[in-house]
C-alpha cells in the first residue's frame, strides 16, 4: 500500500460538531454530593465487580472534592459496605482503595 489513502484521511478536516469552541474549556465539572449519590445508586443497583470499580472512581472524586467525611456518609447511606465491601474510613484516590 502506498499510503495515499492514509494521507487523504489525515488531510480531511474534522466536522464542526467534533470541535470544541474555545469558549468551552475542557475543565470537568465538580462532583457534587447529589451527583455522586445519583451515580453511585446506579452502580450499586447493578452491584457487579466492574460497577465496584466505577464506584471507586466516583468515591475518589468525592474524596478529592469533599473529604473523607463525605465518602463515609455515602458508604453508609447507600450501604456500599454491603454491596461492594467498602468500609467507612477507607480512602480512595484515582479509583484505587488506599486503605484506612
PDB file of N, CA and C in Angstrom:
ATOM      1  N   UNK A   1       0.841  -1.175   0.000  1.00  0.00           N
ATOM      2  CA  UNK A   1       0.000   0.000   0.000  1.00  0.00           C
ATOM      3  C   UNK A   1       0.882   1.233   0.000  1.00  0.00           C
ATOM      4  N   UNK A   2       0.528   2.208  -0.803  1.00  0.00           N
ATOM      5  CA  UNK A   2       1.376   3.385  -0.971  1.00  0.00           C
ATOM      6  C   UNK A   2       1.178   4.426   0.126  1.00  0.00           C
ATOM      7  N   UNK A   3       0.137   4.306   0.928  1.00  0.00           N
ATOM      8  CA  UNK A   3      -0.089   5.283   1.975  1.00  0.00           C
ATOM      9  C   UNK A   3      -0.922   6.469   1.518  1.00  0.00           C
ATOM     10  N   UNK A   4      -1.370   6.435   0.246  1.00  0.00           N
ATOM     11  CA  UNK A   4      -2.157   7.559  -0.272  1.00  0.00           C
ATOM     12  C   UNK A   4      -3.474   7.714   0.471  1.00  0.00           C
ATOM     13  N   UNK A   5      -4.123   6.610   0.788  1.00  0.00           N
ATOM     14  CA  UNK A   5      -5.396   6.675   1.498  1.00  0.00           C
ATOM     15  C   UNK A   5      -5.201   7.260   2.890  1.00  0.00           C
ATOM     16  N   UNK A   6      -4.110   6.869   3.535  1.00  0.00           N
ATOM     17  CA  UNK A   6      -3.832   7.403   4.869  1.00  0.00           C
ATOM     18  C   UNK A   6      -3.581   8.903   4.811  1.00  0.00           C
ATOM     19  N   UNK A   7      -2.896   9.358   3.771  1.00  0.00           N
ATOM     20  CA  UNK A   7      -2.649  10.792   3.626  1.00  0.00           C
ATOM     21  C   UNK A   7      -3.946  11.545   3.397  1.00  0.00           C
ATOM     22  N   UNK A   8      -4.866  10.962   2.644  1.00  0.00           N
ATOM     23  CA  UNK A   8      -6.145  11.616   2.388  1.00  0.00           C
ATOM     24  C   UNK A   8      -6.970  11.713   3.663  1.00  0.00           C
ATOM     25  N   UNK A   9      -6.929  10.670   4.466  1.00  0.00           N
ATOM     26  CA  UNK A   9      -7.685  10.686   5.717  1.00  0.00           C
ATOM     27  C   UNK A   9      -7.133  11.763   6.643  1.00  0.00           C
ATOM     28  N   UNK A  10      -5.809  11.864   6.745  1.00  0.00           N
ATOM     29  CA  UNK A  10      -5.204  12.865   7.612  1.00  0.00           C
ATOM     30  C   UNK A  10      -5.463  14.279   7.118  1.00  0.00           C
ATOM     31  N   UNK A  11      -5.597  14.437   5.829  1.00  0.00           N
ATOM     32  CA  UNK A  11      -5.769  15.774   5.250  1.00  0.00           C
ATOM     33  C   UNK A  11      -7.177  16.323   5.465  1.00  0.00           C
ATOM     34  N   UNK A  12      -8.132  15.446   5.717  1.00  0.00           N
ATOM     35  CA  UNK A  12      -9.505  15.909   5.910  1.00  0.00           C
ATOM     36  C   UNK A  12      -9.633  16.678   7.210  1.00  0.00           C
ATOM     37  N   UNK A  13     -10.424  17.723   7.184  1.00  0.00           N
ATOM     38  CA  UNK A  13     -10.688  18.486   8.405  1.00  0.00           C
ATOM     39  C   UNK A  13     -11.814  17.816   9.180  1.00  0.00           C
ATOM     40  N   UNK A  14     -11.779  17.957  10.490  1.00  0.00           N
ATOM     41  CA  UNK A  14     -12.852  17.421  11.308  1.00  0.00           C
ATOM     42  C   UNK A  14     -14.116  18.239  11.118  1.00  0.00           C
ATOM     43  N   UNK A  15     -15.274  17.598  11.087  1.00  0.00           N
ATOM     44  CA  UNK A  15     -16.523  18.353  11.022  1.00  0.00           C
ATOM     45  C   UNK A  15     -16.664  19.247  12.247  1.00  0.00           C
ATOM     46  N   UNK A  16     -17.374  20.328  12.107  1.00  0.00           N
ATOM     47  CA  UNK A  16     -17.519  21.314  13.178  1.00  0.00           C
ATOM     48  C   UNK A  16     -18.097  20.699  14.449  1.00  0.00           C
ATOM     49  N   UNK A  17     -18.938  19.669  14.332  1.00  0.00           N
ATOM     50  CA  UNK A  17     -19.554  19.088  15.523  1.00  0.00           C
ATOM     51  C   UNK A  17     -18.534  18.405  16.430  1.00  0.00           C
ATOM     52  N   UNK A  18     -17.345  18.085  15.915  1.00  0.00           N
ATOM     53  CA  UNK A  18     -16.308  17.447  16.719  1.00  0.00           C
ATOM     54  C   UNK A  18     -15.344  18.446  17.345  1.00  0.00           C
ATOM     55  N   UNK A  19     -15.461  19.691  16.986  1.00  0.00           N
ATOM     56  CA  UNK A  19     -14.566  20.709  17.521  1.00  0.00           C
ATOM     57  C   UNK A  19     -15.186  21.347  18.756  1.00  0.00           C
ATOM     58  N   UNK A  20     -14.359  21.643  19.731  1.00  0.00           N
ATOM     59  CA  UNK A  20     -14.827  22.270  20.960  1.00  0.00           C
ATOM     60  C   UNK A  20     -14.549  23.761  20.860  1.00  0.00           C
ATOM     61  N   UNK A  21     -15.588  24.577  21.019  1.00  0.00           N
ATOM     62  CA  UNK A  21     -15.365  26.021  20.962  1.00  0.00           C
ATOM     63  C   UNK A  21     -14.409  26.468  22.060  1.00  0.00           C
ATOM     64  N   UNK A  22     -13.611  27.484  21.779  1.00  0.00           N
ATOM     65  CA  UNK A  22     -12.656  27.982  22.761  1.00  0.00           C
ATOM     66  C   UNK A  22     -13.358  28.532  23.990  1.00  0.00           C
ATOM     67  N   UNK A  23     -14.615  28.930  23.839  1.00  0.00           N
ATOM     68  CA  UNK A  23     -15.361  29.462  24.977  1.00  0.00           C
ATOM     69  C   UNK A  23     -15.768  28.371  25.961  1.00  0.00           C
ATOM     70  N   UNK A  24     -15.615  27.097  25.582  1.00  0.00           N
ATOM     71  CA  UNK A  24     -15.946  25.975  26.457  1.00  0.00           C
ATOM     72  C   UNK A  24     -14.682  25.155  26.718  1.00  0.00           C
ATOM     73  N   UNK A  25     -13.913  25.523  27.729  1.00  0.00           N
ATOM     74  CA  UNK A  25     -12.668  24.799  28.005  1.00  0.00           C
ATOM     75  C   UNK A  25     -12.940  23.368  28.459  1.00  0.00           C
ATOM     76  N   UNK A  26     -11.918  22.548  28.425  1.00  0.00           N
ATOM     77  CA  UNK A  26     -12.046  21.133  28.779  1.00  0.00           C
ATOM     78  C   UNK A  26     -11.896  20.886  30.276  1.00  0.00           C
ATOM     79  N   UNK A  27     -12.399  21.769  31.086  1.00  0.00           N
ATOM     80  CA  UNK A  27     -12.340  21.547  32.527  1.00  0.00           C
ATOM     81  C   UNK A  27     -13.594  20.808  32.960  1.00  0.00           C
ATOM     82  N   UNK A  28     -13.428  19.700  33.670  1.00  0.00           N
ATOM     83  CA  UNK A  28     -14.599  18.935  34.092  1.00  0.00           C
ATOM     84  C   UNK A  28     -15.370  19.678  35.184  1.00  0.00           C
ATOM     85  N   UNK A  29     -16.653  19.369  35.257  1.00  0.00           N
ATOM     86  CA  UNK A  29     -17.477  19.940  36.306  1.00  0.00           C
ATOM     87  C   UNK A  29     -17.107  19.294  37.632  1.00  0.00           C
ATOM     88  N   UNK A  30     -17.310  20.040  38.708  1.00  0.00           N
ATOM     89  CA  UNK A  30     -17.035  19.478  40.026  1.00  0.00           C
ATOM     90  C   UNK A  30     -18.090  18.435  40.374  1.00  0.00           C
ATOM     91  N   UNK A  31     -17.661  17.443  41.132  1.00  0.00           N
ATOM     92  CA  UNK A  31     -18.564  16.376  41.563  1.00  0.00           C
ATOM     93  C   UNK A  31     -19.319  16.861  42.792  1.00  0.00           C
ATOM     94  N   UNK A  32     -20.599  17.106  42.630  1.00  0.00           N
ATOM     95  CA  UNK A  32     -21.419  17.462  43.781  1.00  0.00           C
ATOM     96  C   UNK A  32     -21.816  16.187  44.506  1.00  0.00           C
ATOM     97  N   UNK A  33     -22.198  16.329  45.767  1.00  0.00           N
ATOM     98  CA  UNK A  33     -22.609  15.151  46.524  1.00  0.00           C
ATOM     99  C   UNK A  33     -23.897  14.556  45.974  1.00  0.00           C
ATOM    100  N   UNK A  34     -24.794  15.416  45.480  1.00  0.00           N
ATOM    101  CA  UNK A  34     -26.033  14.904  44.879  1.00  0.00           C
ATOM    102  C   UNK A  34     -25.740  14.107  43.616  1.00  0.00           C
ATOM    103  N   UNK A  35     -24.836  14.622  42.789  1.00  0.00           N
ATOM    104  CA  UNK A  35     -24.463  13.913  41.559  1.00  0.00           C
ATOM    105  C   UNK A  35     -23.764  12.593  41.893  1.00  0.00           C
ATOM    106  N   UNK A  36     -22.872  12.628  42.872  1.00  0.00           N
ATOM    107  CA  UNK A  36     -22.174  11.407  43.283  1.00  0.00           C
ATOM    108  C   UNK A  36     -23.161  10.366  43.783  1.00  0.00           C
ATOM    109  N   UNK A  37     -24.132  10.796  44.579  1.00  0.00           N
ATOM    110  CA  UNK A  37     -25.135   9.875  45.109  1.00  0.00           C
ATOM    111  C   UNK A  37     -25.935   9.248  43.969  1.00  0.00           C
ATOM    112  N   UNK A  38     -26.304  10.074  43.002  1.00  0.00           N
ATOM    113  CA  UNK A  38     -27.063   9.588  41.841  1.00  0.00           C
ATOM    114  C   UNK A  38     -26.253   8.547  41.067  1.00  0.00           C
ATOM    115  N   UNK A  39     -24.989   8.839  40.800  1.00  0.00           N
ATOM    116  CA  UNK A  39     -24.134   7.911  40.057  1.00  0.00           C
ATOM    117  C   UNK A  39     -23.874   6.630  40.848  1.00  0.00           C
ATOM    118  N   UNK A  40     -23.653   6.764  42.153  1.00  0.00           N
ATOM    119  CA  UNK A  40     -23.390   5.590  42.981  1.00  0.00           C
ATOM    120  C   UNK A  40     -24.614   4.688  43.100  1.00  0.00           C
ATOM    121  N   UNK A  41     -25.801   5.268  43.119  1.00  0.00           N
ATOM    122  CA  UNK A  41     -27.022   4.452  43.171  1.00  0.00           C
ATOM    123  C   UNK A  41     -27.126   3.546  41.953  1.00  0.00           C
ATOM    124  N   UNK A  42     -26.774   4.083  40.789  1.00  0.00           N
ATOM    125  CA  UNK A  42     -26.806   3.280  39.554  1.00  0.00           C
ATOM    126  C   UNK A  42     -25.823   2.123  39.665  1.00  0.00           C
ATOM    127  N   UNK A  43     -24.598   2.407  40.125  1.00  0.00           N
ATOM    128  CA  UNK A  43     -23.585   1.359  40.244  1.00  0.00           C
ATOM    129  C   UNK A  43     -24.006   0.314  41.281  1.00  0.00           C
ATOM    130  N   UNK A  44     -24.578   0.773  42.389  1.00  0.00           N
ATOM    131  CA  UNK A  44     -24.999  -0.147  43.447  1.00  0.00           C
ATOM    132  C   UNK A  44     -26.153  -1.038  42.988  1.00  0.00           C
ATOM    133  N   UNK A  45     -27.033  -0.502  42.157  1.00  0.00           N
ATOM    134  CA  UNK A  45     -28.150  -1.307  41.652  1.00  0.00           C
ATOM    135  C   UNK A  45     -27.657  -2.484  40.810  1.00  0.00           C
ATOM    136  N   UNK A  46     -26.578  -2.290  40.063  1.00  0.00           N
ATOM    137  CA  UNK A  46     -26.004  -3.390  39.285  1.00  0.00           C
ATOM    138  C   UNK A  46     -25.178  -4.312  40.187  1.00  0.00           C
ATOM    139  N   UNK A  47     -24.349  -3.715  41.035  1.00  0.00           N
ATOM    140  CA  UNK A  47     -23.643  -4.458  42.067  1.00  0.00           C
ATOM    141  C   UNK A  47     -22.542  -5.397  41.645  1.00  0.00           C
ATOM    142  N   UNK A  48     -22.100  -5.363  40.415  1.00  0.00           N
ATOM    143  CA  UNK A  48     -21.053  -6.275  39.975  1.00  0.00           C
ATOM    144  C   UNK A  48     -19.652  -5.758  40.227  1.00  0.00           C
ATOM    145  N   UNK A  49     -18.666  -6.576  39.860  1.00  0.00           N
ATOM    146  CA  UNK A  49     -17.257  -6.237  40.065  1.00  0.00           C
ATOM    147  C   UNK A  49     -16.884  -4.948  39.341  1.00  0.00           C
ATOM    148  N   UNK A  50     -17.256  -4.856  38.071  1.00  0.00           N
ATOM    149  CA  UNK A  50     -16.906  -3.670  37.289  1.00  0.00           C
ATOM    150  C   UNK A  50     -17.612  -2.432  37.826  1.00  0.00           C
ATOM    151  N   UNK A  51     -18.819  -2.607  38.350  1.00  0.00           N
ATOM    152  CA  UNK A  51     -19.533  -1.486  38.945  1.00  0.00           C
ATOM    153  C   UNK A  51     -18.855  -1.035  40.233  1.00  0.00           C
ATOM    154  N   UNK A  52     -18.224  -1.964  40.925  1.00  0.00           N
ATOM    155  CA  UNK A  52     -17.431  -1.605  42.099  1.00  0.00           C
ATOM    156  C   UNK A  52     -16.258  -0.722  41.722  1.00  0.00           C
ATOM    157  N   UNK A  53     -15.637  -1.013  40.581  1.00  0.00           N
ATOM    158  CA  UNK A  53     -14.542  -0.164  40.100  1.00  0.00           C
ATOM    159  C   UNK A  53     -15.044   1.233  39.759  1.00  0.00           C
ATOM    160  N   UNK A  54     -16.208   1.308  39.149  1.00  0.00           N
ATOM    161  CA  UNK A  54     -16.790   2.614  38.840  1.00  0.00           C
ATOM    162  C   UNK A  54     -17.101   3.374  40.123  1.00  0.00           C
ATOM    163  N   UNK A  55     -17.613   2.672  41.119  1.00  0.00           N
ATOM    164  CA  UNK A  55     -17.909   3.301  42.403  1.00  0.00           C
ATOM    165  C   UNK A  55     -16.631   3.837  43.047  1.00  0.00           C
ATOM    166  N   UNK A  56     -15.516   3.119  42.902  1.00  0.00           N
ATOM    167  CA  UNK A  56     -14.232   3.594  43.437  1.00  0.00           C
ATOM    168  C   UNK A  56     -13.820   4.905  42.781  1.00  0.00           C
ATOM    169  N   UNK A  57     -14.022   4.999  41.462  1.00  0.00           N
ATOM    170  CA  UNK A  57     -13.688   6.242  40.765  1.00  0.00           C
ATOM    171  C   UNK A  57     -14.545   7.402  41.255  1.00  0.00           C
ATOM    172  N   UNK A  58     -15.827   7.149  41.444  1.00  0.00           N
ATOM    173  CA  UNK A  58     -16.735   8.194  41.922  1.00  0.00           C
ATOM    174  C   UNK A  58     -16.344   8.615  43.338  1.00  0.00           C
ATOM    175  N   UNK A  59     -16.065   7.647  44.197  1.00  0.00           N
ATOM    176  CA  UNK A  59     -15.671   7.961  45.567  1.00  0.00           C
ATOM    177  C   UNK A  59     -14.322   8.668  45.617  1.00  0.00           C
ATOM    178  N   UNK A  60     -13.451   8.396  44.657  1.00  0.00           N
ATOM    179  CA  UNK A  60     -12.184   9.128  44.573  1.00  0.00           C
ATOM    180  C   UNK A  60     -12.421  10.606  44.315  1.00  0.00           C
ATOM    181  N   UNK A  61     -13.368  10.893  43.429  1.00  0.00           N
ATOM    182  CA  UNK A  61     -13.724  12.286  43.151  1.00  0.00           C
ATOM    183  C   UNK A  61     -14.327  12.953  44.382  1.00  0.00           C
ATOM    184  N   UNK A  62     -15.199  12.231  45.067  1.00  0.00           N
ATOM    185  CA  UNK A  62     -15.810  12.773  46.289  1.00  0.00           C
ATOM    186  C   UNK A  62     -14.726  13.033  47.332  1.00  0.00           C
ATOM    187  N   UNK A  63     -13.805  12.100  47.477  1.00  0.00           N
ATOM    188  CA  UNK A  63     -12.691  12.245  48.427  1.00  0.00           C
ATOM    189  C   UNK A  63     -11.902  13.518  48.121  1.00  0.00           C
ATOM    190  N   UNK A  64     -11.588  13.716  46.858  1.00  0.00           N
ATOM    191  CA  UNK A  64     -10.782  14.862  46.444  1.00  0.00           C
ATOM    192  C   UNK A  64     -11.525  16.177  46.657  1.00  0.00           C
ATOM    193  N   UNK A  65     -12.806  16.190  46.337  1.00  0.00           N
ATOM    194  CA  UNK A  65     -13.577  17.435  46.368  1.00  0.00           C
ATOM    195  C   UNK A  65     -14.177  17.748  47.736  1.00  0.00           C
ATOM    196  N   UNK A  66     -14.584  16.699  48.495  1.00  0.00           N
ATOM    197  CA  UNK A  66     -15.367  16.933  49.706  1.00  0.00           C
ATOM    198  C   UNK A  66     -14.782  16.311  50.968  1.00  0.00           C
ATOM    199  N   UNK A  67     -13.815  15.416  50.837  1.00  0.00           N
ATOM    200  CA  UNK A  67     -13.156  14.850  52.006  1.00  0.00           C
ATOM    201  C   UNK A  67     -13.722  13.516  52.471  1.00  0.00           C
ATOM    202  N   UNK A  68     -13.044  12.982  53.493  1.00  0.00           N
ATOM    203  CA  UNK A  68     -13.339  11.647  53.999  1.00  0.00           C
ATOM    204  C   UNK A  68     -14.727  11.538  54.618  1.00  0.00           C
ATOM    205  N   UNK A  69     -15.171  12.582  55.305  1.00  0.00           N
ATOM    206  CA  UNK A  69     -16.498  12.512  55.942  1.00  0.00           C
ATOM    207  C   UNK A  69     -17.600  12.311  54.914  1.00  0.00           C
ATOM    208  N   UNK A  70     -17.493  12.960  53.763  1.00  0.00           N
ATOM    209  CA  UNK A  70     -18.497  12.807  52.705  1.00  0.00           C
ATOM    210  C   UNK A  70     -18.468  11.393  52.138  1.00  0.00           C
ATOM    211  N   UNK A  71     -17.272  10.836  51.967  1.00  0.00           N
ATOM    212  CA  UNK A  71     -17.133   9.460  51.472  1.00  0.00           C
ATOM    213  C   UNK A  71     -17.787   8.487  52.454  1.00  0.00           C
ATOM    214  N   UNK A  72     -17.478   8.650  53.729  1.00  0.00           N
ATOM    215  CA  UNK A  72     -18.044   7.757  54.747  1.00  0.00           C
ATOM    216  C   UNK A  72     -19.569   7.854  54.786  1.00  0.00           C
ATOM    217  N   UNK A  73     -20.081   9.068  54.657  1.00  0.00           N
ATOM    218  CA  UNK A  73     -21.533   9.265  54.664  1.00  0.00           C
ATOM    219  C   UNK A  73     -22.184   8.528  53.496  1.00  0.00           C
ATOM    220  N   UNK A  74     -21.591   8.619  52.303  1.00  0.00           N
ATOM    221  CA  UNK A  74     -22.151   7.929  51.130  1.00  0.00           C
ATOM    222  C   UNK A  74     -22.074   6.416  51.285  1.00  0.00           C
ATOM    223  N   UNK A  75     -20.970   5.929  51.846  1.00  0.00           N
ATOM    224  CA  UNK A  75     -20.825   4.480  52.051  1.00  0.00           C
ATOM    225  C   UNK A  75     -21.934   3.970  52.970  1.00  0.00           C
ATOM    226  N   UNK A  76     -22.168   4.691  54.053  1.00  0.00           N
ATOM    227  CA  UNK A  76     -23.214   4.271  54.996  1.00  0.00           C
ATOM    228  C   UNK A  76     -24.605   4.413  54.388  1.00  0.00           C
ATOM    229  N   UNK A  77     -24.859   5.576  53.799  1.00  0.00           N
ATOM    230  CA  UNK A  77     -26.200   5.882  53.284  1.00  0.00           C
ATOM    231  C   UNK A  77     -26.632   4.931  52.175  1.00  0.00           C
ATOM    232  N   UNK A  78     -25.703   4.599  51.278  1.00  0.00           N
ATOM    233  CA  UNK A  78     -26.035   3.738  50.133  1.00  0.00           C
ATOM    234  C   UNK A  78     -25.691   2.269  50.386  1.00  0.00           C
ATOM    235  N   UNK A  79     -25.261   1.950  51.601  1.00  0.00           N
ATOM    236  CA  UNK A  79     -24.902   0.585  52.003  1.00  0.00           C
ATOM    237  C   UNK A  79     -23.842  -0.015  51.072  1.00  0.00           C
ATOM    238  N   UNK A  80     -22.854   0.791  50.722  1.00  0.00           N
ATOM    239  CA  UNK A  80     -21.794   0.308  49.840  1.00  0.00           C
ATOM    240  C   UNK A  80     -20.902  -0.702  50.546  1.00  0.00           C
ATOM    241  N   UNK A  81     -20.951  -0.725  51.877  1.00  0.00           N
ATOM    242  CA  UNK A  81     -20.216  -1.750  52.612  1.00  0.00           C
ATOM    243  C   UNK A  81     -20.804  -3.128  52.330  1.00  0.00           C
ATOM    244  N   UNK A  82     -22.114  -3.202  52.272  1.00  0.00           N
ATOM    245  CA  UNK A  82     -22.801  -4.471  51.996  1.00  0.00           C
ATOM    246  C   UNK A  82     -22.663  -4.877  50.532  1.00  0.00           C
ATOM    247  N   UNK A  83     -22.755  -3.897  49.626  1.00  0.00           N
ATOM    248  CA  UNK A  83     -22.777  -4.191  48.190  1.00  0.00           C
ATOM    249  C   UNK A  83     -21.385  -4.444  47.629  1.00  0.00           C
ATOM    250  N   UNK A  84     -20.437  -3.544  47.961  1.00  0.00           N
ATOM    251  CA  UNK A  84     -19.088  -3.640  47.381  1.00  0.00           C
ATOM    252  C   UNK A  84     -18.002  -3.964  48.403  1.00  0.00           C
ATOM    253  N   UNK A  85     -18.362  -3.984  49.682  1.00  0.00           N
ATOM    254  CA  UNK A  85     -17.355  -4.254  50.714  1.00  0.00           C
ATOM    255  C   UNK A  85     -16.535  -3.042  51.111  1.00  0.00           C
ATOM    256  N   UNK A  86     -16.972  -1.832  50.750  1.00  0.00           N
ATOM    257  CA  UNK A  86     -16.270  -0.612  51.137  1.00  0.00           C
ATOM    258  C   UNK A  86     -16.629  -0.288  52.580  1.00  0.00           C
ATOM    259  N   UNK A  87     -15.640  -0.058  53.409  1.00  0.00           N
ATOM    260  CA  UNK A  87     -15.886   0.269  54.808  1.00  0.00           C
ATOM    261  C   UNK A  87     -15.702   1.755  55.042  1.00  0.00           C
ATOM    262  N   UNK A  88     -16.515   2.342  55.937  1.00  0.00           N
ATOM    263  CA  UNK A  88     -16.272   3.736  56.304  1.00  0.00           C
ATOM    264  C   UNK A  88     -14.837   3.884  56.823  1.00  0.00           C
ATOM    265  N   UNK A  89     -14.188   4.956  56.450  1.00  0.00           N
ATOM    266  CA  UNK A  89     -12.793   5.182  56.814  1.00  0.00           C
ATOM    267  C   UNK A  89     -11.825   4.809  55.705  1.00  0.00           C
ATOM    268  N   UNK A  90     -12.308   4.082  54.695  1.00  0.00           N
ATOM    269  CA  UNK A  90     -11.466   3.699  53.567  1.00  0.00           C
ATOM    270  C   UNK A  90     -11.212   4.921  52.698  1.00  0.00           C
ATOM    271  N   UNK A  91      -9.949   5.118  52.312  1.00  0.00           N
ATOM    272  CA  UNK A  91      -9.578   6.247  51.454  1.00  0.00           C
ATOM    273  C   UNK A  91      -9.523   5.785  49.999  1.00  0.00           C
ATOM    274  N   UNK A  92      -9.961   6.662  49.102  1.00  0.00           N
ATOM    275  CA  UNK A  92      -9.964   6.378  47.677  1.00  0.00           C
ATOM    276  C   UNK A  92      -9.182   7.464  46.952  1.00  0.00           C
ATOM    277  N   UNK A  93      -8.280   7.048  46.075  1.00  0.00           N
ATOM    278  CA  UNK A  93      -7.516   8.007  45.267  1.00  0.00           C
ATOM    279  C   UNK A  93      -7.333   7.428  43.871  1.00  0.00           C
ATOM    280  N   UNK A  94      -7.736   8.177  42.866  1.00  0.00           N
ATOM    281  CA  UNK A  94      -7.538   7.755  41.490  1.00  0.00           C
ATOM    282  C   UNK A  94      -8.208   6.432  41.148  1.00  0.00           C
ATOM    283  N   UNK A  95      -9.301   6.134  41.797  1.00  0.00           N
ATOM    284  CA  UNK A  95     -10.006   4.884  41.538  1.00  0.00           C
ATOM    285  C   UNK A  95      -9.431   3.688  42.283  1.00  0.00           C
ATOM    286  N   UNK A  96      -8.491   3.945  43.186  1.00  0.00           N
ATOM    287  CA  UNK A  96      -7.869   2.862  43.957  1.00  0.00           C
ATOM    288  C   UNK A  96      -8.234   2.995  45.429  1.00  0.00           C
ATOM    289  N   UNK A  97      -8.323   1.859  46.099  1.00  0.00           N
ATOM    290  CA  UNK A  97      -8.518   1.851  47.540  1.00  0.00           C
ATOM    291  C   UNK A  97      -7.146   1.974  48.171  1.00  0.00           C
ATOM    292  N   UNK A  98      -6.933   3.037  48.924  1.00  0.00           N
ATOM    293  CA  UNK A  98      -5.622   3.287  49.543  1.00  0.00           C
ATOM    294  C   UNK A  98      -5.529   2.625  50.905  1.00  0.00           C
ATOM    295  N   UNK A  99      -6.612   2.482  51.594  1.00  0.00           N
ATOM    296  CA  UNK A  99      -6.627   1.884  52.922  1.00  0.00           C
ATOM    297  C   UNK A  99      -7.247   2.829  53.913  1.00  0.00           C
ATOM    298  N   UNK A 100      -7.131   2.500  55.157  1.00  0.00           N
ATOM    299  CA  UNK A 100      -7.725   3.339  56.214  1.00  0.00           C
ATOM    300  C   UNK A 100      -6.693   4.241  56.803  1.00  0.00           C
TER     301      UNK A 100
END
